[in-house]
PDB file of N, CA and C in Angstrom:
ATOM      1  N   MET A   1     136.828 103.974  61.230  1.00  0.00           N
ATOM      2  CA  MET A   1     135.613 104.615  60.784  1.00  0.00           C
ATOM      3  C   MET A   1     134.594 103.547  60.387  1.00  0.00           C
ATOM      4  N   SER A   2     133.409 103.626  60.931  1.00  0.00           N
ATOM      5  CA  SER A   2     132.346 102.707  60.563  1.00  0.00           C
ATOM      6  C   SER A   2     131.790 103.109  59.197  1.00  0.00           C
ATOM      7  N   GLU A   3     131.372 102.094  58.437  1.00  0.00           N
ATOM      8  CA  GLU A   3     130.877 102.407  57.093  1.00  0.00           C
ATOM      9  C   GLU A   3     129.942 101.314  56.586  1.00  0.00           C
ATOM     10  N   VAL A   4     129.181 101.673  55.554  1.00  0.00           N
ATOM     11  CA  VAL A   4     128.325 100.727  54.841  1.00  0.00           C
ATOM     12  C   VAL A   4     128.823 100.664  53.410  1.00  0.00           C
ATOM     13  N   VAL A   5     129.167  99.459  52.960  1.00  0.00           N
ATOM     14  CA  VAL A   5     129.601  99.258  51.576  1.00  0.00           C
ATOM     15  C   VAL A   5     128.621  98.289  50.935  1.00  0.00           C
ATOM     16  N   VAL A   6     128.040  98.698  49.812  1.00  0.00           N
ATOM     17  CA  VAL A   6     127.060  97.861  49.114  1.00  0.00           C
ATOM     18  C   VAL A   6     127.683  97.329  47.838  1.00  0.00           C
ATOM     19  N   ARG A   7     127.631  95.990  47.686  1.00  0.00           N
ATOM     20  CA  ARG A   7     128.104  95.312  46.468  1.00  0.00           C
ATOM     21  C   ARG A   7     127.161  94.157  46.186  1.00  0.00           C
ATOM     22  N   ASN A   8     126.761  94.027  44.944  1.00  0.00           N
ATOM     23  CA  ASN A   8     125.923  92.900  44.525  1.00  0.00           C
ATOM     24  C   ASN A   8     124.707  92.719  45.431  1.00  0.00           C
ATOM     25  N   ASN A   9     124.001  93.799  45.704  1.00  0.00           N
ATOM     26  CA  ASN A   9     122.782  93.768  46.521  1.00  0.00           C
ATOM     27  C   ASN A   9     123.015  93.300  47.959  1.00  0.00           C
ATOM     28  N   ARG A  10     124.247  93.399  48.450  1.00  0.00           N
ATOM     29  CA  ARG A  10     124.573  93.070  49.836  1.00  0.00           C
ATOM     30  C   ARG A  10     125.267  94.262  50.474  1.00  0.00           C
ATOM     31  N   ALA A  11     124.826  94.573  51.681  1.00  0.00           N
ATOM     32  CA  ALA A  11     125.443  95.685  52.417  1.00  0.00           C
ATOM     33  C   ALA A  11     126.306  95.121  53.533  1.00  0.00           C
ATOM     34  N   MET A  12     127.561  95.512  53.557  1.00  0.00           N
ATOM     35  CA  MET A  12     128.476  95.148  54.632  1.00  0.00           C
ATOM     36  C   MET A  12     128.623  96.378  55.522  1.00  0.00           C
ATOM     37  N   VAL A  13     128.168  96.255  56.766  1.00  0.00           N
ATOM     38  CA  VAL A  13     128.267  97.335  57.741  1.00  0.00           C
ATOM     39  C   VAL A  13     129.443  96.996  58.648  1.00  0.00           C
ATOM     40  N   THR A  14     130.525  97.732  58.485  1.00  0.00           N
ATOM     41  CA  THR A  14     131.721  97.505  59.281  1.00  0.00           C
ATOM     42  C   THR A  14     131.719  98.508  60.433  1.00  0.00           C
ATOM     43  N   ILE A  15     131.693  97.987  61.640  1.00  0.00           N
ATOM     44  CA  ILE A  15     131.686  98.836  62.830  1.00  0.00           C
ATOM     45  C   ILE A  15     133.112  98.919  63.365  1.00  0.00           C
ATOM     46  N   ASP A  16     133.608 100.141  63.477  1.00  0.00           N
ATOM     47  CA  ASP A  16     134.963 100.370  63.947  1.00  0.00           C
ATOM     48  C   ASP A  16     134.911 101.230  65.205  1.00  0.00           C
ATOM     49  N   GLY A  17     135.376 100.694  66.304  1.00  0.00           N
ATOM     50  CA  GLY A  17     135.397 101.464  67.548  1.00  0.00           C
ATOM     51  C   GLY A  17     134.050 101.493  68.233  1.00  0.00           C
ATOM     52  N   PHE A  18     133.577 102.692  68.514  1.00  0.00           N
ATOM     53  CA  PHE A  18     132.363 102.877  69.296  1.00  0.00           C
ATOM     54  C   PHE A  18     131.158 103.085  68.384  1.00  0.00           C
ATOM     55  N   PHE A  19     130.187 102.176  68.463  1.00  0.00           N
ATOM     56  CA  PHE A  19     128.946 102.280  67.695  1.00  0.00           C
ATOM     57  C   PHE A  19     127.950 103.005  68.586  1.00  0.00           C
ATOM     58  N   ARG A  20     127.970 104.328  68.474  1.00  0.00           N
ATOM     59  CA  ARG A  20     127.149 105.207  69.308  1.00  0.00           C
ATOM     60  C   ARG A  20     126.028 105.810  68.487  1.00  0.00           C
ATOM     61  N   ALA A  21     125.159 106.541  69.185  1.00  0.00           N
ATOM     62  CA  ALA A  21     124.001 107.157  68.544  1.00  0.00           C
ATOM     63  C   ALA A  21     124.407 108.007  67.340  1.00  0.00           C
ATOM     64  N   SER A  22     125.469 108.797  67.476  1.00  0.00           N
ATOM     65  CA  SER A  22     125.889 109.672  66.365  1.00  0.00           C
ATOM     66  C   SER A  22     126.291 108.861  65.136  1.00  0.00           C
ATOM     67  N   VAL A  23     126.910 107.726  65.344  1.00  0.00           N
ATOM     68  CA  VAL A  23     127.295 106.845  64.232  1.00  0.00           C
ATOM     69  C   VAL A  23     126.066 106.108  63.706  1.00  0.00           C
ATOM     70  N   SER A  24     125.191 105.699  64.612  1.00  0.00           N
ATOM     71  CA  SER A  24     124.025 104.908  64.197  1.00  0.00           C
ATOM     72  C   SER A  24     123.089 105.701  63.295  1.00  0.00           C
ATOM     73  N   VAL A  25     123.021 107.016  63.478  1.00  0.00           N
ATOM     74  CA  VAL A  25     122.181 107.848  62.606  1.00  0.00           C
ATOM     75  C   VAL A  25     122.674 107.756  61.165  1.00  0.00           C
ATOM     76  N   VAL A  26     123.972 107.851  60.981  1.00  0.00           N
ATOM     77  CA  VAL A  26     124.566 107.783  59.645  1.00  0.00           C
ATOM     78  C   VAL A  26     124.395 106.385  59.055  1.00  0.00           C
ATOM     79  N   ILE A  27     124.699 105.350  59.847  1.00  0.00           N
ATOM     80  CA  ILE A  27     124.569 103.965  59.390  1.00  0.00           C
ATOM     81  C   ILE A  27     123.122 103.677  59.004  1.00  0.00           C
ATOM     82  N   ASN A  28     122.176 104.107  59.823  1.00  0.00           N
ATOM     83  CA  ASN A  28     120.760 103.884  59.550  1.00  0.00           C
ATOM     84  C   ASN A  28     120.344 104.525  58.226  1.00  0.00           C
ATOM     85  N   ALA A  29     120.758 105.759  57.996  1.00  0.00           N
ATOM     86  CA  ALA A  29     120.418 106.456  56.749  1.00  0.00           C
ATOM     87  C   ALA A  29     121.009 105.730  55.537  1.00  0.00           C
ATOM     88  N   GLU A  30     122.247 105.281  55.658  1.00  0.00           N
ATOM     89  CA  GLU A  30     122.885 104.559  54.550  1.00  0.00           C
ATOM     90  C   GLU A  30     122.200 103.220  54.300  1.00  0.00           C
ATOM     91  N   LEU A  31     121.801 102.527  55.373  1.00  0.00           N
ATOM     92  CA  LEU A  31     121.087 101.263  55.202  1.00  0.00           C
ATOM     93  C   LEU A  31     119.715 101.473  54.570  1.00  0.00           C
ATOM     94  N   GLU A  32     119.000 102.505  54.994  1.00  0.00           N
ATOM     95  CA  GLU A  32     117.694 102.791  54.393  1.00  0.00           C
ATOM     96  C   GLU A  32     117.825 103.035  52.897  1.00  0.00           C
ATOM     97  N   THR A  33     118.849 103.778  52.495  1.00  0.00           N
ATOM     98  CA  THR A  33     119.087 104.022  51.073  1.00  0.00           C
ATOM     99  C   THR A  33     119.410 102.723  50.348  1.00  0.00           C
ATOM    100  N   ALA A  34     120.266 101.911  50.927  1.00  0.00           N
ATOM    101  CA  ALA A  34     120.634 100.632  50.308  1.00  0.00           C
ATOM    102  C   ALA A  34     119.415  99.726  50.137  1.00  0.00           C
ATOM    103  N   ILE A  35     118.586  99.653  51.151  1.00  0.00           N
ATOM    104  CA  ILE A  35     117.392  98.803  51.095  1.00  0.00           C
ATOM    105  C   ILE A  35     116.417  99.323  50.043  1.00  0.00           C
ATOM    106  N   ARG A  36     116.231 100.643  49.999  1.00  0.00           N
ATOM    107  CA  ARG A  36     115.364 101.235  48.964  1.00  0.00           C
ATOM    108  C   ARG A  36     115.877 100.935  47.563  1.00  0.00           C
ATOM    109  N   ASN A  37     117.197 100.835  47.429  1.00  0.00           N
ATOM    110  CA  ASN A  37     117.807 100.588  46.119  1.00  0.00           C
ATOM    111  C   ASN A  37     117.969  99.109  45.800  1.00  0.00           C
ATOM    112  N   GLY A  38     117.333  98.238  46.578  1.00  0.00           N
ATOM    113  CA  GLY A  38     117.305  96.819  46.252  1.00  0.00           C
ATOM    114  C   GLY A  38     118.246  95.916  47.015  1.00  0.00           C
ATOM    115  N   CYS A  39     118.884  96.419  48.032  1.00  0.00           N
ATOM    116  CA  CYS A  39     119.757  95.576  48.849  1.00  0.00           C
ATOM    117  C   CYS A  39     118.946  94.429  49.444  1.00  0.00           C
ATOM    118  N   GLN A  40     119.481  93.218  49.349  1.00  0.00           N
ATOM    119  CA  GLN A  40     118.746  92.036  49.792  1.00  0.00           C
ATOM    120  C   GLN A  40     119.329  91.385  51.041  1.00  0.00           C
ATOM    121  N   LYS A  41     120.573  91.684  51.364  1.00  0.00           N
ATOM    122  CA  LYS A  41     121.239  91.104  52.542  1.00  0.00           C
ATOM    123  C   LYS A  41     122.035  92.198  53.238  1.00  0.00           C
ATOM    124  N   VAL A  42     122.085  92.110  54.570  1.00  0.00           N
ATOM    125  CA  VAL A  42     122.883  93.040  55.362  1.00  0.00           C
ATOM    126  C   VAL A  42     123.727  92.231  56.331  1.00  0.00           C
ATOM    127  N   ILE A  43     125.012  92.565  56.391  1.00  0.00           N
ATOM    128  CA  ILE A  43     125.946  91.906  57.300  1.00  0.00           C
ATOM    129  C   ILE A  43     126.561  92.982  58.192  1.00  0.00           C
ATOM    130  N   PHE A  44     126.435  92.794  59.500  1.00  0.00           N
ATOM    131  CA  PHE A  44     127.061  93.691  60.475  1.00  0.00           C
ATOM    132  C   PHE A  44     128.332  93.009  60.967  1.00  0.00           C
ATOM    133  N   ASP A  45     129.489  93.634  60.712  1.00  0.00           N
ATOM    134  CA  ASP A  45     130.787  93.074  61.114  1.00  0.00           C
ATOM    135  C   ASP A  45     131.330  93.842  62.315  1.00  0.00           C
ATOM    136  N   PHE A  46     131.480  93.134  63.434  1.00  0.00           N
ATOM    137  CA  PHE A  46     131.914  93.751  64.680  1.00  0.00           C
ATOM    138  C   PHE A  46     133.366  93.435  65.033  1.00  0.00           C
ATOM    139  N   ALA A  47     134.175  93.000  64.082  1.00  0.00           N
ATOM    140  CA  ALA A  47     135.560  92.625  64.369  1.00  0.00           C
ATOM    141  C   ALA A  47     136.360  93.763  64.996  1.00  0.00           C
ATOM    142  N   SER A  48     136.096  94.998  64.593  1.00  0.00           N
ATOM    143  CA  SER A  48     136.854  96.148  65.101  1.00  0.00           C
ATOM    144  C   SER A  48     136.047  97.001  66.063  1.00  0.00           C
ATOM    145  N   ALA A  49     134.927  96.490  66.526  1.00  0.00           N
ATOM    146  CA  ALA A  49     134.051  97.260  67.417  1.00  0.00           C
ATOM    147  C   ALA A  49     134.485  97.115  68.871  1.00  0.00           C
ATOM    148  N   ALA A  50     134.287  98.182  69.628  1.00  0.00           N
ATOM    149  CA  ALA A  50     134.640  98.173  71.047  1.00  0.00           C
ATOM    150  C   ALA A  50     133.424  98.385  71.944  1.00  0.00           C
ATOM    151  N   PHE A  51     132.352  98.955  71.390  1.00  0.00           N
ATOM    152  CA  PHE A  51     131.207  99.339  72.214  1.00  0.00           C
ATOM    153  C   PHE A  51     129.990  99.516  71.331  1.00  0.00           C
ATOM    154  N   ILE A  52     128.809  99.226  71.884  1.00  0.00           N
ATOM    155  CA  ILE A  52     127.548  99.499  71.198  1.00  0.00           C
ATOM    156  C   ILE A  52     126.557 100.041  72.219  1.00  0.00           C
ATOM    157  N   ASP A  53     125.816 101.088  71.826  1.00  0.00           N
ATOM    158  CA  ASP A  53     124.810 101.642  72.743  1.00  0.00           C
ATOM    159  C   ASP A  53     123.406 101.265  72.265  1.00  0.00           C
ATOM    160  N   SER A  54     122.417 101.632  73.051  1.00  0.00           N
ATOM    161  CA  SER A  54     121.025 101.253  72.759  1.00  0.00           C
ATOM    162  C   SER A  54     120.521 101.777  71.414  1.00  0.00           C
ATOM    163  N   PRO A  55     120.751 103.052  71.052  1.00  0.00           N
ATOM    164  CA  PRO A  55     120.280 103.506  69.738  1.00  0.00           C
ATOM    165  C   PRO A  55     120.885 102.700  68.582  1.00  0.00           C
ATOM    166  N   SER A  56     122.118 102.277  68.745  1.00  0.00           N
ATOM    167  CA  SER A  56     122.760 101.487  67.694  1.00  0.00           C
ATOM    168  C   SER A  56     122.172 100.085  67.626  1.00  0.00           C
ATOM    169  N   LEU A  57     121.867  99.503  68.775  1.00  0.00           N
ATOM    170  CA  LEU A  57     121.186  98.204  68.777  1.00  0.00           C
ATOM    171  C   LEU A  57     119.822  98.314  68.103  1.00  0.00           C
ATOM    172  N   LYS A  58     119.165  99.443  68.280  1.00  0.00           N
ATOM    173  CA  LYS A  58     117.863  99.650  67.644  1.00  0.00           C
ATOM    174  C   LYS A  58     117.980  99.682  66.123  1.00  0.00           C
ATOM    175  N   VAL A  59     119.100 100.194  65.605  1.00  0.00           N
ATOM    176  CA  VAL A  59     119.321 100.167  64.156  1.00  0.00           C
ATOM    177  C   VAL A  59     119.377  98.722  63.667  1.00  0.00           C
ATOM    178  N   ILE A  60     120.043  97.874  64.422  1.00  0.00           N
ATOM    179  CA  ILE A  60     120.130  96.454  64.052  1.00  0.00           C
ATOM    180  C   ILE A  60     118.745  95.808  64.123  1.00  0.00           C
ATOM    181  N   LEU A  61     118.012  96.081  65.195  1.00  0.00           N
ATOM    182  CA  LEU A  61     116.656  95.539  65.324  1.00  0.00           C
ATOM    183  C   LEU A  61     115.755  96.016  64.191  1.00  0.00           C
ATOM    184  N   LYS A  62     115.868  97.289  63.845  1.00  0.00           N
ATOM    185  CA  LYS A  62     115.079  97.847  62.739  1.00  0.00           C
ATOM    186  C   LYS A  62     115.438  97.159  61.421  1.00  0.00           C
ATOM    187  N   THR A  63     116.713  96.857  61.240  1.00  0.00           N
ATOM    188  CA  THR A  63     117.149  96.173  60.018  1.00  0.00           C
ATOM    189  C   THR A  63     116.573  94.763  59.974  1.00  0.00           C
ATOM    190  N   PHE A  64     116.620  94.047  61.087  1.00  0.00           N
ATOM    191  CA  PHE A  64     115.991  92.725  61.152  1.00  0.00           C
ATOM    192  C   PHE A  64     114.505  92.830  60.817  1.00  0.00           C
ATOM    193  N   ASP A  65     113.850  93.840  61.356  1.00  0.00           N
ATOM    194  CA  ASP A  65     112.415  94.017  61.140  1.00  0.00           C
ATOM    195  C   ASP A  65     112.093  94.270  59.667  1.00  0.00           C
ATOM    196  N   SER A  66     112.884  95.093  59.010  1.00  0.00           N
ATOM    197  CA  SER A  66     112.589  95.430  57.618  1.00  0.00           C
ATOM    198  C   SER A  66     113.081  94.380  56.624  1.00  0.00           C
ATOM    199  N   MET A  67     114.157  93.673  56.960  1.00  0.00           N
ATOM    200  CA  MET A  67     114.758  92.720  56.010  1.00  0.00           C
ATOM    201  C   MET A  67     114.376  91.268  56.295  1.00  0.00           C
ATOM    202  N   GLY A  68     114.006  90.968  57.525  1.00  0.00           N
ATOM    203  CA  GLY A  68     113.753  89.581  57.916  1.00  0.00           C
ATOM    204  C   GLY A  68     115.016  88.965  58.490  1.00  0.00           C
ATOM    205  N   PHE A  69     114.833  88.054  59.422  1.00  0.00           N
ATOM    206  CA  PHE A  69     115.965  87.475  60.139  1.00  0.00           C
ATOM    207  C   PHE A  69     116.875  86.633  59.249  1.00  0.00           C
ATOM    208  N   ASP A  70     116.362  86.099  58.161  1.00  0.00           N
ATOM    209  CA  ASP A  70     117.194  85.288  57.266  1.00  0.00           C
ATOM    210  C   ASP A  70     118.100  86.134  56.384  1.00  0.00           C
ATOM    211  N   ASN A  71     117.866  87.435  56.337  1.00  0.00           N
ATOM    212  CA  ASN A  71     118.611  88.301  55.425  1.00  0.00           C
ATOM    213  C   ASN A  71     119.584  89.246  56.122  1.00  0.00           C
ATOM    214  N   VAL A  72     119.742  89.057  57.420  1.00  0.00           N
ATOM    215  CA  VAL A  72     120.649  89.904  58.201  1.00  0.00           C
ATOM    216  C   VAL A  72     121.579  88.998  59.003  1.00  0.00           C
ATOM    217  N   SER A  73     122.875  89.308  58.989  1.00  0.00           N
ATOM    218  CA  SER A  73     123.859  88.543  59.751  1.00  0.00           C
ATOM    219  C   SER A  73     124.660  89.472  60.650  1.00  0.00           C
ATOM    220  N   ILE A  74     125.048  88.932  61.797  1.00  0.00           N
ATOM    221  CA  ILE A  74     125.937  89.629  62.724  1.00  0.00           C
ATOM    222  C   ILE A  74     127.170  88.740  62.856  1.00  0.00           C
ATOM    223  N   ILE A  75     128.333  89.274  62.495  1.00  0.00           N
ATOM    224  CA  ILE A  75     129.540  88.448  62.491  1.00  0.00           C
ATOM    225  C   ILE A  75     130.658  89.094  63.320  1.00  0.00           C
ATOM    226  N   ASN A  76     131.616  88.242  63.680  1.00  0.00           N
ATOM    227  CA  ASN A  76     132.862  88.659  64.333  1.00  0.00           C
ATOM    228  C   ASN A  76     132.650  89.404  65.656  1.00  0.00           C
ATOM    229  N   VAL A  77     131.761  88.876  66.470  1.00  0.00           N
ATOM    230  CA  VAL A  77     131.537  89.435  67.800  1.00  0.00           C
ATOM    231  C   VAL A  77     132.508  88.766  68.772  1.00  0.00           C
ATOM    232  N   LYS A  78     133.168  89.560  69.601  1.00  0.00           N
ATOM    233  CA  LYS A  78     134.089  89.003  70.595  1.00  0.00           C
ATOM    234  C   LYS A  78     133.296  88.293  71.679  1.00  0.00           C
ATOM    235  N   ARG A  79     133.499  86.984  71.771  1.00  0.00           N
ATOM    236  CA  ARG A  79     132.761  86.182  72.755  1.00  0.00           C
ATOM    237  C   ARG A  79     133.021  86.701  74.169  1.00  0.00           C
ATOM    238  N   ASP A  80     131.959  86.886  74.919  1.00  0.00           N
ATOM    239  CA  ASP A  80     131.967  87.359  76.302  1.00  0.00           C
ATOM    240  C   ASP A  80     132.445  88.799  76.465  1.00  0.00           C
ATOM    241  N   GLY A  81     132.551  89.527  75.369  1.00  0.00           N
ATOM    242  CA  GLY A  81     132.903  90.942  75.446  1.00  0.00           C
ATOM    243  C   GLY A  81     131.675  91.803  75.706  1.00  0.00           C
ATOM    244  N   LYS A  82     131.879  93.107  75.796  1.00  0.00           N
ATOM    245  CA  LYS A  82     130.781  94.034  76.082  1.00  0.00           C
ATOM    246  C   LYS A  82     129.685  93.964  75.026  1.00  0.00           C
ATOM    247  N   ILE A  83     130.080  93.860  73.775  1.00  0.00           N
ATOM    248  CA  ILE A  83     129.086  93.825  72.702  1.00  0.00           C
ATOM    249  C   ILE A  83     128.281  92.532  72.770  1.00  0.00           C
ATOM    250  N   HIS A  84     128.953  91.423  73.007  1.00  0.00           N
ATOM    251  CA  HIS A  84     128.253  90.145  73.150  1.00  0.00           C
ATOM    252  C   HIS A  84     127.232  90.236  74.282  1.00  0.00           C
ATOM    253  N   LYS A  85     127.614  90.820  75.393  1.00  0.00           N
ATOM    254  CA  LYS A  85     126.700  90.958  76.530  1.00  0.00           C
ATOM    255  C   LYS A  85     125.509  91.848  76.191  1.00  0.00           C
ATOM    256  N   SER A  86     125.739  92.872  75.375  1.00  0.00           N
ATOM    257  CA  SER A  86     124.620  93.716  74.935  1.00  0.00           C
ATOM    258  C   SER A  86     123.653  92.925  74.066  1.00  0.00           C
ATOM    259  N   PHE A  87     124.189  92.087  73.189  1.00  0.00           N
ATOM    260  CA  PHE A  87     123.314  91.251  72.358  1.00  0.00           C
ATOM    261  C   PHE A  87     122.518  90.272  73.208  1.00  0.00           C
ATOM    262  N   ILE A  88     123.140  89.737  74.246  1.00  0.00           N
ATOM    263  CA  ILE A  88     122.426  88.836  75.160  1.00  0.00           C
ATOM    264  C   ILE A  88     121.285  89.596  75.840  1.00  0.00           C
ATOM    265  N   ARG A  89     121.583  90.800  76.316  1.00  0.00           N
ATOM    266  CA  ARG A  89     120.585  91.615  77.009  1.00  0.00           C
ATOM    267  C   ARG A  89     119.371  91.906  76.119  1.00  0.00           C
ATOM    268  N   TYR A  90     119.615  92.129  74.817  1.00  0.00           N
ATOM    269  CA  TYR A  90     118.537  92.426  73.876  1.00  0.00           C
ATOM    270  C   TYR A  90     118.010  91.174  73.168  1.00  0.00           C
ATOM    271  N   GLN A  91     118.410  90.010  73.663  1.00  0.00           N
ATOM    272  CA  GLN A  91     117.962  88.720  73.135  1.00  0.00           C
ATOM    273  C   GLN A  91     118.269  88.556  71.648  1.00  0.00           C
ATOM    274  N   LEU A  92     119.449  89.008  71.254  1.00  0.00           N
ATOM    275  CA  LEU A  92     119.901  88.875  69.868  1.00  0.00           C
ATOM    276  C   LEU A  92     121.046  87.875  69.727  1.00  0.00           C
ATOM    277  N   GLU A  93     121.431  87.240  70.804  1.00  0.00           N
ATOM    278  CA  GLU A  93     122.596  86.347  70.760  1.00  0.00           C
ATOM    279  C   GLU A  93     122.433  85.243  69.716  1.00  0.00           C
ATOM    280  N   ASN A  94     121.238  84.725  69.549  1.00  0.00           N
ATOM    281  CA  ASN A  94     121.024  83.633  68.596  1.00  0.00           C
ATOM    282  C   ASN A  94     121.205  84.056  67.146  1.00  0.00           C
ATOM    283  N   TYR A  95     121.274  85.356  66.908  1.00  0.00           N
ATOM    284  CA  TYR A  95     121.445  85.844  65.534  1.00  0.00           C
ATOM    285  C   TYR A  95     122.896  86.187  65.205  1.00  0.00           C
ATOM    286  N   ILE A  96     123.794  85.925  66.134  1.00  0.00           N
ATOM    287  CA  ILE A  96     125.218  86.116  65.858  1.00  0.00           C
ATOM    288  C   ILE A  96     125.704  84.905  65.068  1.00  0.00           C
ATOM    289  N   SER A  97     126.206  85.157  63.874  1.00  0.00           N
ATOM    290  CA  SER A  97     126.651  84.066  62.988  1.00  0.00           C
ATOM    291  C   SER A  97     128.042  83.581  63.322  1.00  0.00           C
ATOM    292  N   SER A  98     128.913  84.480  63.795  1.00  0.00           N
ATOM    293  CA  SER A  98     130.271  84.043  64.107  1.00  0.00           C
ATOM    294  C   SER A  98     130.867  84.891  65.225  1.00  0.00           C
ATOM    295  N   PHE A  99     131.709  84.235  66.017  1.00  0.00           N
ATOM    296  CA  PHE A  99     132.428  84.885  67.111  1.00  0.00           C
ATOM    297  C   PHE A  99     133.917  84.890  66.807  1.00  0.00           C
ATOM    298  N   ILE A 100     134.617  85.817  67.471  1.00  0.00           N
ATOM    299  CA  ILE A 100     136.087  85.804  67.393  1.00  0.00           C
ATOM    300  C   ILE A 100     136.636  85.805  68.793  1.00  0.00           C
TER     301      ILE A 100
END
């Protein structure tokens, strides 16, 4: 199950399985609430992710736009996997902090 956990003004977005439009709506709403409540950093963890679609990538882009590139991290992306290729396609590869 994908989820957003906020601790100490940091939101950890753990993506589990398929990050699809239906999941991205929930994640986006939770992130908007966290940001309104003073969240200063957002980390997207893709260690357990298998797939990402365009609406979900837009949630990440929207987060970068609202928080700034220095305050958002993308971690644990499987190198050369489907998700990595999606990030390349959307020119987000340089914002991946760590690969697995």
